[in-house]
């Protein structure tokens, strides 16, 4: 997918996260665009630990 307006895409992702009660967990080495919308950054172990305690209906890893 080619995205011309990253701020519009970021707003859409943030809206969907609210609507779906979702969180995004991202590895620290992912692209900056992914990190910008992530709720938590870390390595695999840290993200796995975080996923166990997060209060969300949807967890995107």
C-alpha atoms as a PDB file:
ATOM      1  CA  UNK A   1       0.000   0.000   0.000  1.00  0.00           C
ATOM      2  CA  UNK A   2       1.320   3.435  -0.875  1.00  0.00           C
ATOM      3  CA  UNK A   3       0.478   6.043   1.712  1.00  0.00           C
ATOM      4  CA  UNK A   4       0.607   9.650   0.653  1.00  0.00           C
ATOM      5  CA  UNK A   5      -0.677  11.208   3.850  1.00  0.00           C
ATOM      6  CA  UNK A   6       0.941   9.568   6.861  1.00  0.00           C
ATOM      7  CA  UNK A   7      -0.736  11.888   9.358  1.00  0.00           C
ATOM      8  CA  UNK A   8      -4.150  10.877   8.018  1.00  0.00           C
ATOM      9  CA  UNK A   9      -3.211   7.205   8.287  1.00  0.00           C
ATOM     10  CA  UNK A  10      -1.928   7.710  11.829  1.00  0.00           C
ATOM     11  CA  UNK A  11      -5.220   9.380  12.818  1.00  0.00           C
ATOM     12  CA  UNK A  12      -7.169   6.486  11.314  1.00  0.00           C
ATOM     13  CA  UNK A  13      -5.086   3.931  13.230  1.00  0.00           C
ATOM     14  CA  UNK A  14      -5.525   5.850  16.494  1.00  0.00           C
ATOM     15  CA  UNK A  15      -9.298   6.017  15.919  1.00  0.00           C
ATOM     16  CA  UNK A  16      -9.491   2.284  15.250  1.00  0.00           C
ATOM     17  CA  UNK A  17      -7.449   1.544  18.366  1.00  0.00           C
ATOM     18  CA  UNK A  18      -9.984   3.488  20.442  1.00  0.00           C
ATOM     19  CA  UNK A  19     -13.004   1.916  18.735  1.00  0.00           C
ATOM     20  CA  UNK A  20     -11.690  -1.638  19.074  1.00  0.00           C
ATOM     21  CA  UNK A  21     -10.041  -1.174  22.493  1.00  0.00           C
ATOM     22  CA  UNK A  22      -6.795  -2.265  20.869  1.00  0.00           C
ATOM     23  CA  UNK A  23      -3.134  -1.787  21.649  1.00  0.00           C
ATOM     24  CA  UNK A  24      -0.131  -2.133  19.383  1.00  0.00           C
ATOM     25  CA  UNK A  25       3.043  -3.743  20.690  1.00  0.00           C
ATOM     26  CA  UNK A  26       6.058  -3.162  18.446  1.00  0.00           C
ATOM     27  CA  UNK A  27       9.634  -4.325  18.436  1.00  0.00           C
ATOM     28  CA  UNK A  28      12.200  -1.601  18.966  1.00  0.00           C
ATOM     29  CA  UNK A  29      13.708  -2.281  15.524  1.00  0.00           C
ATOM     30  CA  UNK A  30      10.511  -1.718  13.521  1.00  0.00           C
ATOM     31  CA  UNK A  31      10.141   1.213  11.177  1.00  0.00           C
ATOM     32  CA  UNK A  32       9.646   4.633  12.764  1.00  0.00           C
ATOM     33  CA  UNK A  33       6.151   4.821  11.267  1.00  0.00           C
ATOM     34  CA  UNK A  34       5.151   1.688  13.175  1.00  0.00           C
ATOM     35  CA  UNK A  35       6.774   2.909  16.374  1.00  0.00           C
ATOM     36  CA  UNK A  36       4.838   6.172  16.076  1.00  0.00           C
ATOM     37  CA  UNK A  37       1.490   4.389  16.461  1.00  0.00           C
ATOM     38  CA  UNK A  38       2.659   1.708  18.894  1.00  0.00           C
ATOM     39  CA  UNK A  39       1.538   1.824  22.498  1.00  0.00           C
ATOM     40  CA  UNK A  40       4.570  -0.109  23.742  1.00  0.00           C
ATOM     41  CA  UNK A  41       8.051  -0.716  22.323  1.00  0.00           C
ATOM     42  CA  UNK A  42      10.505  -3.389  23.356  1.00  0.00           C
ATOM     43  CA  UNK A  43      12.129  -6.703  22.598  1.00  0.00           C
ATOM     44  CA  UNK A  44      10.160  -9.941  22.310  1.00  0.00           C
ATOM     45  CA  UNK A  45      10.368 -10.766  26.006  1.00  0.00           C
ATOM     46  CA  UNK A  46       9.342  -7.294  27.188  1.00  0.00           C
ATOM     47  CA  UNK A  47       6.425  -7.208  24.753  1.00  0.00           C
ATOM     48  CA  UNK A  48       5.262 -10.671  25.808  1.00  0.00           C
ATOM     49  CA  UNK A  49       5.298  -9.616  29.453  1.00  0.00           C
ATOM     50  CA  UNK A  50       3.424  -6.418  28.612  1.00  0.00           C
ATOM     51  CA  UNK A  51       0.823  -8.337  26.600  1.00  0.00           C
ATOM     52  CA  UNK A  52      -0.060 -10.379  29.685  1.00  0.00           C
ATOM     53  CA  UNK A  53      -0.997  -7.318  31.718  1.00  0.00           C
ATOM     54  CA  UNK A  54      -2.530  -4.992  29.155  1.00  0.00           C
ATOM     55  CA  UNK A  55      -6.253  -4.237  29.425  1.00  0.00           C
ATOM     56  CA  UNK A  56      -7.405  -4.465  25.810  1.00  0.00           C
ATOM     57  CA  UNK A  57      -9.767  -6.501  23.675  1.00  0.00           C
ATOM     58  CA  UNK A  58      -7.288  -6.632  20.789  1.00  0.00           C
ATOM     59  CA  UNK A  59      -3.509  -6.902  21.025  1.00  0.00           C
ATOM     60  CA  UNK A  60      -1.523  -6.368  17.829  1.00  0.00           C
ATOM     61  CA  UNK A  61       1.977  -7.762  18.169  1.00  0.00           C
END
